[in-house]
Amino acid sequence: MRNRFPGKCYRCGGHVPTGEGHFERPSRRTYEKLELAAIGGRWLIQHADCAIKHRGTNHTYWKKVAANG
């Protein structure tokens, strides 16, 4: 199912316009797996291409930001 609202891709950090990505409502386990703190809102959004490219991985944009300071 596609996103109804725009947002920021949690995989690459880019802008995701309405209808051009996927959303998910993560559980606490998902946040732990991605090594993320609860990041505000209840939904994560990613580009459709990022969903395919990073399927089965723990790649997130926030890990890169946290590592850089």
N, C-alpha and C. Protein backbone atom coordinates (compact mmCIF):
# COMPACT_ATOMS: atom_id res chain seq x y z
N MET A 1 0.84 -1.18 0.00
CA MET A 1 0.00 0.00 0.00
C MET A 1 0.89 1.24 0.00
N ARG A 2 0.52 2.25 -0.75
CA ARG A 2 1.32 3.46 -0.88
C ARG A 2 0.98 4.49 0.21
N ASN A 3 1.92 5.40 0.43
CA ASN A 3 1.73 6.43 1.46
C ASN A 3 0.71 7.48 1.01
N ARG A 4 -0.10 7.93 1.95
CA ARG A 4 -1.10 8.96 1.67
C ARG A 4 -0.59 10.36 2.02
N PHE A 5 0.51 10.41 2.76
CA PHE A 5 1.07 11.69 3.19
C PHE A 5 2.56 11.72 2.85
N PRO A 6 3.11 12.90 2.56
CA PRO A 6 4.55 12.98 2.28
C PRO A 6 5.35 12.80 3.57
N GLY A 7 6.61 12.49 3.42
CA GLY A 7 7.46 12.32 4.59
C GLY A 7 8.91 12.15 4.19
N LYS A 8 9.73 11.73 5.15
CA LYS A 8 11.16 11.54 4.94
C LYS A 8 11.47 10.05 4.96
N CYS A 9 12.18 9.58 3.95
CA CYS A 9 12.52 8.17 3.84
C CYS A 9 13.46 7.77 4.97
N TYR A 10 13.11 6.74 5.73
CA TYR A 10 14.00 6.31 6.80
C TYR A 10 15.17 5.48 6.29
N ARG A 11 15.17 5.11 5.02
CA ARG A 11 16.27 4.36 4.42
C ARG A 11 17.36 5.29 3.88
N CYS A 12 16.97 6.35 3.12
CA CYS A 12 17.97 7.22 2.48
C CYS A 12 17.94 8.66 2.97
N GLY A 13 16.88 9.07 3.63
CA GLY A 13 16.78 10.43 4.14
C GLY A 13 16.15 11.41 3.17
N GLY A 14 15.80 10.96 1.97
CA GLY A 14 15.20 11.83 0.96
C GLY A 14 13.71 12.05 1.19
N HIS A 15 13.18 13.06 0.52
CA HIS A 15 11.74 13.37 0.60
C HIS A 15 10.94 12.34 -0.18
N VAL A 16 9.84 11.87 0.41
CA VAL A 16 8.96 10.91 -0.25
C VAL A 16 7.62 11.60 -0.51
N PRO A 17 7.32 11.97 -1.75
CA PRO A 17 6.04 12.59 -2.06
C PRO A 17 4.87 11.62 -1.86
N THR A 18 3.70 12.15 -1.73
CA THR A 18 2.49 11.35 -1.58
C THR A 18 2.36 10.34 -2.72
N GLY A 19 2.12 9.09 -2.37
CA GLY A 19 1.89 8.04 -3.35
C GLY A 19 3.13 7.43 -3.98
N GLU A 20 4.32 7.87 -3.58
CA GLU A 20 5.54 7.35 -4.20
C GLU A 20 6.38 6.50 -3.26
N GLY A 21 5.80 6.08 -2.15
CA GLY A 21 6.55 5.25 -1.21
C GLY A 21 5.64 4.29 -0.48
N HIS A 22 6.20 3.63 0.50
CA HIS A 22 5.47 2.68 1.34
C HIS A 22 5.57 3.13 2.78
N PHE A 23 4.59 2.78 3.57
CA PHE A 23 4.61 3.12 4.99
C PHE A 23 4.55 1.84 5.80
N GLU A 24 5.00 1.94 7.04
CA GLU A 24 4.85 0.82 7.95
C GLU A 24 4.69 1.36 9.36
N ARG A 25 3.94 0.66 10.15
CA ARG A 25 3.77 1.01 11.55
C ARG A 25 4.66 0.06 12.34
N PRO A 26 5.81 0.53 12.76
CA PRO A 26 6.79 -0.36 13.37
C PRO A 26 6.44 -0.72 14.82
N SER A 27 6.85 -1.91 15.20
CA SER A 27 6.72 -2.34 16.59
C SER A 27 8.00 -1.95 17.33
N ARG A 28 8.00 -2.13 18.61
CA ARG A 28 9.21 -1.87 19.39
C ARG A 28 10.36 -2.74 18.90
N ARG A 29 10.06 -3.96 18.53
CA ARG A 29 11.08 -4.88 18.01
C ARG A 29 11.71 -4.34 16.72
N THR A 30 10.89 -3.73 15.85
CA THR A 30 11.41 -3.15 14.62
C THR A 30 12.37 -2.00 14.93
N TYR A 31 11.99 -1.12 15.87
CA TYR A 31 12.88 -0.04 16.26
C TYR A 31 14.21 -0.58 16.80
N GLU A 32 14.14 -1.63 17.62
CA GLU A 32 15.36 -2.23 18.16
C GLU A 32 16.21 -2.85 17.05
N LYS A 33 15.57 -3.54 16.11
CA LYS A 33 16.29 -4.17 14.99
C LYS A 33 17.00 -3.13 14.13
N LEU A 34 16.37 -1.99 13.93
CA LEU A 34 16.96 -0.92 13.12
C LEU A 34 17.89 -0.02 13.95
N GLU A 35 18.01 -0.32 15.25
CA GLU A 35 18.83 0.45 16.17
C GLU A 35 18.40 1.92 16.20
N LEU A 36 17.11 2.15 16.27
CA LEU A 36 16.54 3.50 16.32
C LEU A 36 15.84 3.72 17.64
N ALA A 37 15.88 4.95 18.13
CA ALA A 37 15.02 5.34 19.23
C ALA A 37 13.66 5.64 18.58
N ALA A 38 12.62 5.66 19.37
CA ALA A 38 11.32 6.05 18.81
C ALA A 38 11.47 7.47 18.26
N ILE A 39 11.27 7.67 16.98
CA ILE A 39 11.65 8.91 16.28
C ILE A 39 10.49 9.86 16.04
N GLY A 40 9.67 10.04 16.97
CA GLY A 40 8.55 10.95 16.74
C GLY A 40 7.44 10.19 16.06
N GLY A 41 6.56 10.51 15.38
CA GLY A 41 5.42 9.85 14.79
C GLY A 41 5.37 8.32 14.95
N ARG A 42 4.33 7.75 14.55
CA ARG A 42 4.13 6.32 14.70
C ARG A 42 4.36 5.55 13.41
N TRP A 43 4.71 6.21 12.34
CA TRP A 43 4.85 5.57 11.04
C TRP A 43 6.23 5.81 10.47
N LEU A 44 6.76 4.83 9.77
CA LEU A 44 7.99 4.98 9.02
C LEU A 44 7.63 4.97 7.54
N ILE A 45 8.29 5.80 6.75
CA ILE A 45 8.04 5.89 5.31
C ILE A 45 9.34 5.65 4.57
N GLN A 46 9.24 4.96 3.44
CA GLN A 46 10.41 4.75 2.59
C GLN A 46 9.99 4.82 1.13
N HIS A 47 10.95 5.21 0.27
CA HIS A 47 10.70 5.21 -1.17
C HIS A 47 10.39 3.78 -1.62
N ALA A 48 9.63 3.64 -2.68
CA ALA A 48 9.35 2.31 -3.23
C ALA A 48 10.66 1.66 -3.69
N ASP A 49 11.57 2.43 -4.29
CA ASP A 49 12.85 1.89 -4.74
C ASP A 49 13.72 1.46 -3.55
N CYS A 50 13.70 2.23 -2.46
CA CYS A 50 14.47 1.88 -1.27
C CYS A 50 13.93 0.60 -0.63
N ALA A 51 12.62 0.41 -0.70
CA ALA A 51 12.02 -0.81 -0.14
C ALA A 51 12.57 -2.04 -0.84
N ILE A 52 12.74 -1.95 -2.15
CA ILE A 52 13.27 -3.08 -2.92
C ILE A 52 14.78 -3.21 -2.70
N LYS A 53 15.48 -2.09 -2.79
CA LYS A 53 16.94 -2.10 -2.68
C LYS A 53 17.43 -2.60 -1.32
N HIS A 54 16.75 -2.23 -0.25
CA HIS A 54 17.20 -2.56 1.11
C HIS A 54 16.38 -3.66 1.77
N ARG A 55 15.61 -4.40 1.01
CA ARG A 55 14.79 -5.48 1.56
C ARG A 55 15.68 -6.48 2.31
N GLY A 56 15.28 -6.82 3.53
CA GLY A 56 16.02 -7.82 4.31
C GLY A 56 17.27 -7.29 4.99
N THR A 57 17.48 -5.96 4.96
CA THR A 57 18.65 -5.38 5.62
C THR A 57 18.19 -4.47 6.76
N ASN A 58 19.14 -4.02 7.56
CA ASN A 58 18.86 -3.07 8.63
C ASN A 58 19.35 -1.67 8.29
N HIS A 59 19.53 -1.38 7.00
CA HIS A 59 20.05 -0.09 6.56
C HIS A 59 19.06 1.03 6.88
N THR A 60 19.54 2.07 7.57
CA THR A 60 18.72 3.25 7.83
C THR A 60 19.56 4.50 7.68
N TYR A 61 18.91 5.58 7.33
CA TYR A 61 19.54 6.89 7.21
C TYR A 61 20.00 7.39 8.58
N TRP A 62 19.24 7.12 9.63
CA TRP A 62 19.55 7.65 10.95
C TRP A 62 20.82 7.08 11.53
N LYS A 63 21.20 5.86 11.17
CA LYS A 63 22.47 5.31 11.66
C LYS A 63 23.63 6.15 11.13
N LYS A 64 23.54 6.58 9.87
CA LYS A 64 24.61 7.41 9.28
C LYS A 64 24.68 8.76 9.98
N VAL A 65 23.54 9.37 10.26
CA VAL A 65 23.51 10.68 10.91
C VAL A 65 24.08 10.58 12.32
N ALA A 66 23.68 9.55 13.07
CA ALA A 66 24.15 9.38 14.44
C ALA A 66 25.67 9.15 14.46
N ALA A 67 26.18 8.41 13.49
CA ALA A 67 27.61 8.10 13.44
C ALA A 67 28.44 9.36 13.13
N ASN A 68 27.85 10.29 12.37
CA ASN A 68 28.57 11.50 11.99
C ASN A 68 28.46 12.61 13.05
N GLY A 69 27.67 12.39 14.06
CA GLY A 69 27.63 13.39 15.13
C GLY A 69 26.32 13.98 15.29
